[in-house]
Every structure is written in C-alpha cells, then in structure tokens.
Amino acid sequence: PVWLLLVRRPEDLGLAPDPAPPAPSL
C-alpha cells in the first residue's frame, strides 16, 4: 500500500492540507 498509494504532500495532487481551525476573533 505504501508503494502504490502514499503521496508526499497534498500539494503534489493539487490539494490543500486539512485546514487548521480558525483563530478566535474578538
């Protein structure tokens, strides 16, 4: 599975990383 399916970073597939939660806004 690692050889067939693992990808280094989401950017290599044109994707964005799982986004961080928003910072609190006052």
mmCIF file of all heavy atoms, coordinates in Angstrom:
data_MODEL
# 
_entry.id   MODEL 
# 
loop_
_atom_site.group_PDB 
_atom_site.id 
_atom_site.type_symbol 
_atom_site.label_atom_id 
_atom_site.label_alt_id 
_atom_site.label_comp_id 
_atom_site.label_asym_id 
_atom_site.label_entity_id 
_atom_site.label_seq_id 
_atom_site.pdbx_PDB_ins_code 
_atom_site.Cartn_x 
_atom_site.Cartn_y 
_atom_site.Cartn_z 
_atom_site.occupancy 
_atom_site.B_iso_or_equiv 
_atom_site.pdbx_formal_charge 
_atom_site.auth_seq_id 
_atom_site.auth_comp_id 
_atom_site.auth_asym_id 
_atom_site.auth_atom_id 
_atom_site.pdbx_PDB_model_num 
ATOM 1   N N   . PRO A 1 1  ? 0.807   -1.237 0.000  1.00 0.00 ? 1  PRO A N   1 
ATOM 2   C CA  . PRO A 1 1  ? 0.000   0.000  0.000  1.00 0.00 ? 1  PRO A CA  1 
ATOM 3   C C   . PRO A 1 1  ? 0.833   1.277  0.000  1.00 0.00 ? 1  PRO A C   1 
ATOM 4   O O   . PRO A 1 1  ? 0.447   2.275  -0.625 1.00 0.00 ? 1  PRO A O   1 
ATOM 5   C CB  . PRO A 1 1  ? -0.838  -0.125 1.284  1.00 0.00 ? 1  PRO A CB  1 
ATOM 6   C CG  . PRO A 1 1  ? -0.125  -1.096 2.135  1.00 0.00 ? 1  PRO A CG  1 
ATOM 7   C CD  . PRO A 1 1  ? 0.553   -2.039 1.209  1.00 0.00 ? 1  PRO A CD  1 
ATOM 8   N N   . VAL A 1 2  ? 1.966   1.264  0.696  1.00 0.00 ? 2  VAL A N   1 
ATOM 9   C CA  . VAL A 1 2  ? 2.810   2.464  0.721  1.00 0.00 ? 2  VAL A CA  1 
ATOM 10  C C   . VAL A 1 2  ? 3.366   2.765  -0.663 1.00 0.00 ? 2  VAL A C   1 
ATOM 11  O O   . VAL A 1 2  ? 3.367   3.912  -1.121 1.00 0.00 ? 2  VAL A O   1 
ATOM 12  C CB  . VAL A 1 2  ? 3.942   2.288  1.754  1.00 0.00 ? 2  VAL A CB  1 
ATOM 13  C CG1 . VAL A 1 2  ? 4.970   3.404  1.632  1.00 0.00 ? 2  VAL A CG1 1 
ATOM 14  C CG2 . VAL A 1 2  ? 3.375   2.268  3.166  1.00 0.00 ? 2  VAL A CG2 1 
ATOM 15  N N   . TRP A 1 3  ? 3.826   1.748  -1.357 1.00 0.00 ? 3  TRP A N   1 
ATOM 16  C CA  . TRP A 1 3  ? 4.400   1.936  -2.689 1.00 0.00 ? 3  TRP A CA  1 
ATOM 17  C C   . TRP A 1 3  ? 3.348   2.414  -3.692 1.00 0.00 ? 3  TRP A C   1 
ATOM 18  O O   . TRP A 1 3  ? 3.611   3.285  -4.517 1.00 0.00 ? 3  TRP A O   1 
ATOM 19  C CB  . TRP A 1 3  ? 5.024   0.637  -3.178 1.00 0.00 ? 3  TRP A CB  1 
ATOM 20  C CG  . TRP A 1 3  ? 5.547   0.705  -4.579 1.00 0.00 ? 3  TRP A CG  1 
ATOM 21  C CD1 . TRP A 1 3  ? 4.986   0.165  -5.700 1.00 0.00 ? 3  TRP A CD1 1 
ATOM 22  C CD2 . TRP A 1 3  ? 6.734   1.365  -5.018 1.00 0.00 ? 3  TRP A CD2 1 
ATOM 23  N NE1 . TRP A 1 3  ? 5.745   0.441  -6.802 1.00 0.00 ? 3  TRP A NE1 1 
ATOM 24  C CE2 . TRP A 1 3  ? 6.831   1.173  -6.407 1.00 0.00 ? 3  TRP A CE2 1 
ATOM 25  C CE3 . TRP A 1 3  ? 7.717   2.094  -4.359 1.00 0.00 ? 3  TRP A CE3 1 
ATOM 26  C CZ2 . TRP A 1 3  ? 7.871   1.695  -7.153 1.00 0.00 ? 3  TRP A CZ2 1 
ATOM 27  C CZ3 . TRP A 1 3  ? 8.770   2.609  -5.104 1.00 0.00 ? 3  TRP A CZ3 1 
ATOM 28  C CH2 . TRP A 1 3  ? 8.852   2.408  -6.483 1.00 0.00 ? 3  TRP A CH2 1 
ATOM 29  N N   . LEU A 1 4  ? 2.138   1.879  -3.585 1.00 0.00 ? 4  LEU A N   1 
ATOM 30  C CA  . LEU A 1 4  ? 1.113   2.193  -4.581 1.00 0.00 ? 4  LEU A CA  1 
ATOM 31  C C   . LEU A 1 4  ? 0.396   3.508  -4.319 1.00 0.00 ? 4  LEU A C   1 
ATOM 32  O O   . LEU A 1 4  ? 0.018   4.210  -5.264 1.00 0.00 ? 4  LEU A O   1 
ATOM 33  C CB  . LEU A 1 4  ? 0.079   1.058  -4.642 1.00 0.00 ? 4  LEU A CB  1 
ATOM 34  C CG  . LEU A 1 4  ? 0.553   -0.275 -5.208 1.00 0.00 ? 4  LEU A CG  1 
ATOM 35  C CD1 . LEU A 1 4  ? -0.575  -1.295 -5.120 1.00 0.00 ? 4  LEU A CD1 1 
ATOM 36  C CD2 . LEU A 1 4  ? 1.025   -0.130 -6.660 1.00 0.00 ? 4  LEU A CD2 1 
ATOM 37  N N   . LEU A 1 5  ? 0.170   3.865  -3.039 1.00 0.00 ? 5  LEU A N   1 
ATOM 38  C CA  . LEU A 1 5  ? -0.814  4.896  -2.733 1.00 0.00 ? 5  LEU A CA  1 
ATOM 39  C C   . LEU A 1 5  ? -0.291  6.102  -1.952 1.00 0.00 ? 5  LEU A C   1 
ATOM 40  O O   . LEU A 1 5  ? -0.971  7.129  -1.895 1.00 0.00 ? 5  LEU A O   1 
ATOM 41  C CB  . LEU A 1 5  ? -1.984  4.276  -1.950 1.00 0.00 ? 5  LEU A CB  1 
ATOM 42  C CG  . LEU A 1 5  ? -2.766  3.189  -2.684 1.00 0.00 ? 5  LEU A CG  1 
ATOM 43  C CD1 . LEU A 1 5  ? -3.748  2.523  -1.735 1.00 0.00 ? 5  LEU A CD1 1 
ATOM 44  C CD2 . LEU A 1 5  ? -3.495  3.769  -3.885 1.00 0.00 ? 5  LEU A CD2 1 
ATOM 45  N N   . LEU A 1 6  ? 0.862   5.988  -1.305 1.00 0.00 ? 6  LEU A N   1 
ATOM 46  C CA  . LEU A 1 6  ? 1.323   7.095  -0.469 1.00 0.00 ? 6  LEU A CA  1 
ATOM 47  C C   . LEU A 1 6  ? 1.843   8.242  -1.333 1.00 0.00 ? 6  LEU A C   1 
ATOM 48  O O   . LEU A 1 6  ? 2.557   8.026  -2.314 1.00 0.00 ? 6  LEU A O   1 
ATOM 49  C CB  . LEU A 1 6  ? 2.422   6.619  0.489  1.00 0.00 ? 6  LEU A CB  1 
ATOM 50  C CG  . LEU A 1 6  ? 2.834   7.615  1.572  1.00 0.00 ? 6  LEU A CG  1 
ATOM 51  C CD1 . LEU A 1 6  ? 1.668   7.950  2.488  1.00 0.00 ? 6  LEU A CD1 1 
ATOM 52  C CD2 . LEU A 1 6  ? 3.999   7.051  2.394  1.00 0.00 ? 6  LEU A CD2 1 
ATOM 53  N N   . VAL A 1 7  ? 1.476   9.460  -0.945 1.00 0.00 ? 7  VAL A N   1 
ATOM 54  C CA  . VAL A 1 7  ? 1.912   10.674 -1.633 1.00 0.00 ? 7  VAL A CA  1 
ATOM 55  C C   . VAL A 1 7  ? 2.549   11.596 -0.601 1.00 0.00 ? 7  VAL A C   1 
ATOM 56  O O   . VAL A 1 7  ? 2.068   11.698 0.530  1.00 0.00 ? 7  VAL A O   1 
ATOM 57  C CB  . VAL A 1 7  ? 0.727   11.379 -2.324 1.00 0.00 ? 7  VAL A CB  1 
ATOM 58  C CG1 . VAL A 1 7  ? 1.172   12.669 -3.005 1.00 0.00 ? 7  VAL A CG1 1 
ATOM 59  C CG2 . VAL A 1 7  ? 0.081   10.445 -3.334 1.00 0.00 ? 7  VAL A CG2 1 
ATOM 60  N N   . ARG A 1 8  ? 3.601   12.284 -0.992 1.00 0.00 ? 8  ARG A N   1 
ATOM 61  C CA  . ARG A 1 8  ? 4.389   13.088 -0.066 1.00 0.00 ? 8  ARG A CA  1 
ATOM 62  C C   . ARG A 1 8  ? 3.569   14.176 0.611  1.00 0.00 ? 8  ARG A C   1 
ATOM 63  O O   . ARG A 1 8  ? 3.501   14.264 1.828  1.00 0.00 ? 8  ARG A O   1 
ATOM 64  C CB  . ARG A 1 8  ? 5.580   13.718 -0.801 1.00 0.00 ? 8  ARG A CB  1 
ATOM 65  C CG  . ARG A 1 8  ? 6.503   14.522 0.096  1.00 0.00 ? 8  ARG A CG  1 
ATOM 66  C CD  . ARG A 1 8  ? 7.573   15.239 -0.689 1.00 0.00 ? 8  ARG A CD  1 
ATOM 67  N NE  . ARG A 1 8  ? 7.028   16.354 -1.456 1.00 0.00 ? 8  ARG A NE  1 
ATOM 68  C CZ  . ARG A 1 8  ? 7.716   17.453 -1.764 1.00 0.00 ? 8  ARG A CZ  1 
ATOM 69  N NH1 . ARG A 1 8  ? 8.969   17.576 -1.379 1.00 0.00 ? 8  ARG A NH1 1 
ATOM 70  N NH2 . ARG A 1 8  ? 7.155   18.421 -2.462 1.00 0.00 ? 8  ARG A NH2 1 
ATOM 71  N N   . ARG A 1 9  ? 2.926   15.035 -0.178 1.00 0.00 ? 9  ARG A N   1 
ATOM 72  C CA  . ARG A 1 9  ? 2.183   16.183 0.331  1.00 0.00 ? 9  ARG A CA  1 
ATOM 73  C C   . ARG A 1 9  ? 0.887   16.331 -0.463 1.00 0.00 ? 9  ARG A C   1 
ATOM 74  O O   . ARG A 1 9  ? 0.814   15.941 -1.641 1.00 0.00 ? 9  ARG A O   1 
ATOM 75  C CB  . ARG A 1 9  ? 2.997   17.492 0.180  1.00 0.00 ? 9  ARG A CB  1 
ATOM 76  C CG  . ARG A 1 9  ? 4.255   17.560 1.022  1.00 0.00 ? 9  ARG A CG  1 
ATOM 77  C CD  . ARG A 1 9  ? 5.039   18.830 0.685  1.00 0.00 ? 9  ARG A CD  1 
ATOM 78  N NE  . ARG A 1 9  ? 6.259   18.933 1.472  1.00 0.00 ? 9  ARG A NE  1 
ATOM 79  C CZ  . ARG A 1 9  ? 6.341   19.560 2.636  1.00 0.00 ? 9  ARG A CZ  1 
ATOM 80  N NH1 . ARG A 1 9  ? 5.249   20.135 3.139  1.00 0.00 ? 9  ARG A NH1 1 
ATOM 81  N NH2 . ARG A 1 9  ? 7.465   19.624 3.301  1.00 0.00 ? 9  ARG A NH2 1 
ATOM 82  N N   . PRO A 1 10 ? -0.144  16.938 0.131  1.00 0.00 ? 10 PRO A N   1 
ATOM 83  C CA  . PRO A 1 10 ? -1.371  17.166 -0.638 1.00 0.00 ? 10 PRO A CA  1 
ATOM 84  C C   . PRO A 1 10 ? -1.141  18.064 -1.849 1.00 0.00 ? 10 PRO A C   1 
ATOM 85  O O   . PRO A 1 10 ? -1.819  17.914 -2.875 1.00 0.00 ? 10 PRO A O   1 
ATOM 86  C CB  . PRO A 1 10 ? -2.306  17.825 0.388  1.00 0.00 ? 10 PRO A CB  1 
ATOM 87  C CG  . PRO A 1 10 ? -1.433  18.290 1.506  1.00 0.00 ? 10 PRO A CG  1 
ATOM 88  C CD  . PRO A 1 10 ? -0.266  17.376 1.532  1.00 0.00 ? 10 PRO A CD  1 
ATOM 89  N N   . GLU A 1 11 ? -0.177  18.989 -1.771 1.00 0.00 ? 11 GLU A N   1 
ATOM 90  C CA  . GLU A 1 11 ? 0.097   19.871 -2.908 1.00 0.00 ? 11 GLU A CA  1 
ATOM 91  C C   . GLU A 1 11 ? 0.538   19.085 -4.138 1.00 0.00 ? 11 GLU A C   1 
ATOM 92  O O   . GLU A 1 11 ? 0.354   19.548 -5.278 1.00 0.00 ? 11 GLU A O   1 
ATOM 93  C CB  . GLU A 1 11 ? 1.173   20.898 -2.539 1.00 0.00 ? 11 GLU A CB  1 
ATOM 94  C CG  . GLU A 1 11 ? 0.733   21.906 -1.479 1.00 0.00 ? 11 GLU A CG  1 
ATOM 95  C CD  . GLU A 1 11 ? 0.934   21.415 -0.054 1.00 0.00 ? 11 GLU A CD  1 
ATOM 96  O OE1 . GLU A 1 11 ? 1.307   20.228 0.127  1.00 0.00 ? 11 GLU A OE1 1 
ATOM 97  O OE2 . GLU A 1 11 ? 0.706   22.219 0.874  1.00 0.00 ? 11 GLU A OE2 1 
ATOM 98  N N   . ASP A 1 12 ? 1.128   17.908 -3.954 1.00 0.00 ? 12 ASP A N   1 
ATOM 99  C CA  . ASP A 1 12 ? 1.553   17.097 -5.089 1.00 0.00 ? 12 ASP A CA  1 
ATOM 100 C C   . ASP A 1 12 ? 0.375   16.587 -5.902 1.00 0.00 ? 12 ASP A C   1 
ATOM 101 O O   . ASP A 1 12 ? 0.538   16.182 -7.064 1.00 0.00 ? 12 ASP A O   1 
ATOM 102 C CB  . ASP A 1 12 ? 2.393   15.909 -4.610 1.00 0.00 ? 12 ASP A CB  1 
ATOM 103 C CG  . ASP A 1 12 ? 3.678   16.353 -3.927 1.00 0.00 ? 12 ASP A CG  1 
ATOM 104 O OD1 . ASP A 1 12 ? 4.067   17.523 -4.108 1.00 0.00 ? 12 ASP A OD1 1 
ATOM 105 O OD2 . ASP A 1 12 ? 4.275   15.541 -3.198 1.00 0.00 ? 12 ASP A OD2 1 
ATOM 106 N N   . LEU A 1 13 ? -0.824  16.593 -5.301 1.00 0.00 ? 13 LEU A N   1 
ATOM 107 C CA  . LEU A 1 13 ? -2.043  16.190 -6.001 1.00 0.00 ? 13 LEU A CA  1 
ATOM 108 C C   . LEU A 1 13 ? -2.945  17.385 -6.287 1.00 0.00 ? 13 LEU A C   1 
ATOM 109 O O   . LEU A 1 13 ? -4.105  17.210 -6.676 1.00 0.00 ? 13 LEU A O   1 
ATOM 110 C CB  . LEU A 1 13 ? -2.821  15.163 -5.165 1.00 0.00 ? 13 LEU A CB  1 
ATOM 111 C CG  . LEU A 1 13 ? -2.167  13.794 -4.970 1.00 0.00 ? 13 LEU A CG  1 
ATOM 112 C CD1 . LEU A 1 13 ? -3.011  12.932 -4.044 1.00 0.00 ? 13 LEU A CD1 1 
ATOM 113 C CD2 . LEU A 1 13 ? -1.973  13.098 -6.310 1.00 0.00 ? 13 LEU A CD2 1 
ATOM 114 N N   . GLY A 1 14 ? -2.427  18.576 -6.062 1.00 0.00 ? 14 GLY A N   1 
ATOM 115 C CA  . GLY A 1 14 ? -3.242  19.764 -6.257 1.00 0.00 ? 14 GLY A CA  1 
ATOM 116 C C   . GLY A 1 14 ? -4.269  19.974 -5.166 1.00 0.00 ? 14 GLY A C   1 
ATOM 117 O O   . GLY A 1 14 ? -5.275  20.662 -5.376 1.00 0.00 ? 14 GLY A O   1 
ATOM 118 N N   . LEU A 1 15 ? -4.032  19.410 -3.996 1.00 0.00 ? 15 LEU A N   1 
ATOM 119 C CA  . LEU A 1 15 ? -4.949  19.530 -2.866 1.00 0.00 ? 15 LEU A CA  1 
ATOM 120 C C   . LEU A 1 15 ? -4.339  20.431 -1.798 1.00 0.00 ? 15 LEU A C   1 
ATOM 121 O O   . LEU A 1 15 ? -3.139  20.708 -1.812 1.00 0.00 ? 15 LEU A O   1 
ATOM 122 C CB  . LEU A 1 15 ? -5.249  18.149 -2.258 1.00 0.00 ? 15 LEU A CB  1 
ATOM 123 C CG  . LEU A 1 15 ? -5.861  17.111 -3.201 1.00 0.00 ? 15 LEU A CG  1 
ATOM 124 C CD1 . LEU A 1 15 ? -5.954  15.764 -2.498 1.00 0.00 ? 15 LEU A CD1 1 
ATOM 125 C CD2 . LEU A 1 15 ? -7.230  17.561 -3.688 1.00 0.00 ? 15 LEU A CD2 1 
ATOM 126 N N   . ALA A 1 16 ? -5.167  20.857 -0.873 1.00 0.00 ? 16 ALA A N   1 
ATOM 127 C CA  . ALA A 1 16 ? -4.708  21.637 0.278  1.00 0.00 ? 16 ALA A CA  1 
ATOM 128 C C   . ALA A 1 16 ? -4.686  20.735 1.505  1.00 0.00 ? 16 ALA A C   1 
ATOM 129 O O   . ALA A 1 16 ? -5.475  19.791 1.605  1.00 0.00 ? 16 ALA A O   1 
ATOM 130 C CB  . ALA A 1 16 ? -5.635  22.825 0.522  1.00 0.00 ? 16 ALA A CB  1 
ATOM 131 N N   . PRO A 1 17 ? -3.799  21.007 2.462  1.00 0.00 ? 17 PRO A N   1 
ATOM 132 C CA  . PRO A 1 17 ? -3.813  20.222 3.704  1.00 0.00 ? 17 PRO A CA  1 
ATOM 133 C C   . PRO A 1 17 ? -5.125  20.400 4.456  1.00 0.00 ? 17 PRO A C   1 
ATOM 134 O O   . PRO A 1 17 ? -5.842  21.391 4.268  1.00 0.00 ? 17 PRO A O   1 
ATOM 135 C CB  . PRO A 1 17 ? -2.636  20.797 4.507  1.00 0.00 ? 17 PRO A CB  1 
ATOM 136 C CG  . PRO A 1 17 ? -1.789  21.505 3.505  1.00 0.00 ? 17 PRO A CG  1 
ATOM 137 C CD  . PRO A 1 17 ? -2.719  21.995 2.434  1.00 0.00 ? 17 PRO A CD  1 
ATOM 138 N N   . ASP A 1 18 ? -5.439  19.414 5.274  1.00 0.00 ? 18 ASP A N   1 
ATOM 139 C CA  . ASP A 1 18 ? -6.578  19.514 6.179  1.00 0.00 ? 18 ASP A CA  1 
ATOM 140 C C   . ASP A 1 18 ? -6.444  20.826 6.947  1.00 0.00 ? 18 ASP A C   1 
ATOM 141 O O   . ASP A 1 18 ? -5.470  21.022 7.681  1.00 0.00 ? 18 ASP A O   1 
ATOM 142 C CB  . ASP A 1 18 ? -6.530  18.320 7.133  1.00 0.00 ? 18 ASP A CB  1 
ATOM 143 C CG  . ASP A 1 18 ? -7.623  18.353 8.167  1.00 0.00 ? 18 ASP A CG  1 
ATOM 144 O OD1 . ASP A 1 18 ? -8.773  18.597 7.796  1.00 0.00 ? 18 ASP A OD1 1 
ATOM 145 O OD2 . ASP A 1 18 ? -7.318  18.125 9.347  1.00 0.00 ? 18 ASP A OD2 1 
ATOM 146 N N   . PRO A 1 19 ? -7.383  21.788 6.802  1.00 0.00 ? 19 PRO A N   1 
ATOM 147 C CA  . PRO A 1 19 ? -7.133  23.155 7.296  1.00 0.00 ? 19 PRO A CA  1 
ATOM 148 C C   . PRO A 1 19 ? -7.104  23.244 8.808  1.00 0.00 ? 19 PRO A C   1 
ATOM 149 O O   . PRO A 1 19 ? -7.799  22.509 9.517  1.00 0.00 ? 19 PRO A O   1 
ATOM 150 C CB  . PRO A 1 19 ? -8.307  23.948 6.722  1.00 0.00 ? 19 PRO A CB  1 
ATOM 151 C CG  . PRO A 1 19 ? -9.387  22.937 6.539  1.00 0.00 ? 19 PRO A CG  1 
ATOM 152 C CD  . PRO A 1 19 ? -8.684  21.656 6.154  1.00 0.00 ? 19 PRO A CD  1 
ATOM 153 N N   . ALA A 1 20 ? -6.281  24.172 9.301  1.00 0.00 ? 20 ALA A N   1 
ATOM 154 C CA  . ALA A 1 20 ? -6.227  24.438 10.736 1.00 0.00 ? 20 ALA A CA  1 
ATOM 155 C C   . ALA A 1 20 ? -7.523  25.124 11.164 1.00 0.00 ? 20 ALA A C   1 
ATOM 156 O O   . ALA A 1 20 ? -8.168  25.813 10.378 1.00 0.00 ? 20 ALA A O   1 
ATOM 157 C CB  . ALA A 1 20 ? -5.041  25.341 11.059 1.00 0.00 ? 20 ALA A CB  1 
ATOM 158 N N   . PRO A 1 21 ? -7.961  24.958 12.414 1.00 0.00 ? 21 PRO A N   1 
ATOM 159 C CA  . PRO A 1 21 ? -9.168  25.635 12.883 1.00 0.00 ? 21 PRO A CA  1 
ATOM 160 C C   . PRO A 1 21 ? -8.972  27.143 12.892 1.00 0.00 ? 21 PRO A C   1 
ATOM 161 O O   . PRO A 1 21 ? -7.862  27.632 13.075 1.00 0.00 ? 21 PRO A O   1 
ATOM 162 C CB  . PRO A 1 21 ? -9.346  25.085 14.300 1.00 0.00 ? 21 PRO A CB  1 
ATOM 163 C CG  . PRO A 1 21 ? -7.992  24.608 14.705 1.00 0.00 ? 21 PRO A CG  1 
ATOM 164 C CD  . PRO A 1 21 ? -7.336  24.137 13.443 1.00 0.00 ? 21 PRO A CD  1 
ATOM 165 N N   . PRO A 1 22 ? -10.035 27.912 12.679 1.00 0.00 ? 22 PRO A N   1 
ATOM 166 C CA  . PRO A 1 22 ? -9.894  29.371 12.640 1.00 0.00 ? 22 PRO A CA  1 
ATOM 167 C C   . PRO A 1 22 ? -9.396  29.926 13.970 1.00 0.00 ? 22 PRO A C   1 
ATOM 168 O O   . PRO A 1 22 ? -9.710  29.408 15.040 1.00 0.00 ? 22 PRO A O   1 
ATOM 169 C CB  . PRO A 1 22 ? -11.317 29.861 12.336 1.00 0.00 ? 22 PRO A CB  1 
ATOM 170 C CG  . PRO A 1 22 ? -12.035 28.675 11.788 1.00 0.00 ? 22 PRO A CG  1 
ATOM 171 C CD  . PRO A 1 22 ? -11.391 27.470 12.422 1.00 0.00 ? 22 PRO A CD  1 
ATOM 172 N N   . ALA A 1 23 ? -8.600  30.973 13.891 1.00 0.00 ? 23 ALA A N   1 
ATOM 173 C CA  . ALA A 1 23 ? -8.162  31.660 15.106 1.00 0.00 ? 23 ALA A CA  1 
ATOM 174 C C   . ALA A 1 23 ? -9.340  32.434 15.693 1.00 0.00 ? 23 ALA A C   1 
ATOM 175 O O   . ALA A 1 23 ? -10.190 32.944 14.958 1.00 0.00 ? 23 ALA A O   1 
ATOM 176 C CB  . ALA A 1 23 ? -7.015  32.613 14.775 1.00 0.00 ? 23 ALA A CB  1 
ATOM 177 N N   . PRO A 1 24 ? -9.462  32.543 17.019 1.00 0.00 ? 24 PRO A N   1 
ATOM 178 C CA  . PRO A 1 24 ? -10.589 33.266 17.611 1.00 0.00 ? 24 PRO A CA  1 
ATOM 179 C C   . PRO A 1 24 ? -10.567 34.734 17.214 1.00 0.00 ? 24 PRO A C   1 
ATOM 180 O O   . PRO A 1 24 ? -9.521  35.370 17.131 1.00 0.00 ? 24 PRO A O   1 
ATOM 181 C CB  . PRO A 1 24 ? -10.358 33.087 19.115 1.00 0.00 ? 24 PRO A CB  1 
ATOM 182 C CG  . PRO A 1 24 ? -8.932  32.697 19.269 1.00 0.00 ? 24 PRO A CG  1 
ATOM 183 C CD  . PRO A 1 24 ? -8.560  31.984 18.023 1.00 0.00 ? 24 PRO A CD  1 
ATOM 184 N N   . SER A 1 25 ? -11.769 35.268 16.963 1.00 0.00 ? 25 SER A N   1 
ATOM 185 C CA  . SER A 1 25 ? -11.904 36.674 16.546 1.00 0.00 ? 25 SER A CA  1 
ATOM 186 C C   . SER A 1 25 ? -12.672 37.436 17.610 1.00 0.00 ? 25 SER A C   1 
ATOM 187 O O   . SER A 1 25 ? -13.771 37.038 17.994 1.00 0.00 ? 25 SER A O   1 
ATOM 188 C CB  . SER A 1 25 ? -12.625 36.752 15.202 1.00 0.00 ? 25 SER A CB  1 
ATOM 189 O OG  . SER A 1 25 ? -12.868 38.089 14.847 1.00 0.00 ? 25 SER A OG  1 
ATOM 190 N N   . LEU A 1 26 ? -12.110 38.543 18.122 1.00 0.00 ? 26 LEU A N   1 
ATOM 191 C CA  . LEU A 1 26 ? -12.759 39.341 19.156 1.00 0.00 ? 26 LEU A CA  1 
ATOM 192 C C   . LEU A 1 26 ? -13.673 40.407 18.565 1.00 0.00 ? 26 LEU A C   1 
ATOM 193 O O   . LEU A 1 26 ? -14.535 40.965 19.251 1.00 0.00 ? 26 LEU A O   1 
ATOM 194 C CB  . LEU A 1 26 ? -11.690 40.009 20.039 1.00 0.00 ? 26 LEU A CB  1 
ATOM 195 C CG  . LEU A 1 26 ? -10.739 39.060 20.761 1.00 0.00 ? 26 LEU A CG  1 
ATOM 196 C CD1 . LEU A 1 26 ? -9.712  39.852 21.560 1.00 0.00 ? 26 LEU A CD1 1 
ATOM 197 C CD2 . LEU A 1 26 ? -11.511 38.117 21.675 1.00 0.00 ? 26 LEU A CD2 1 
# 
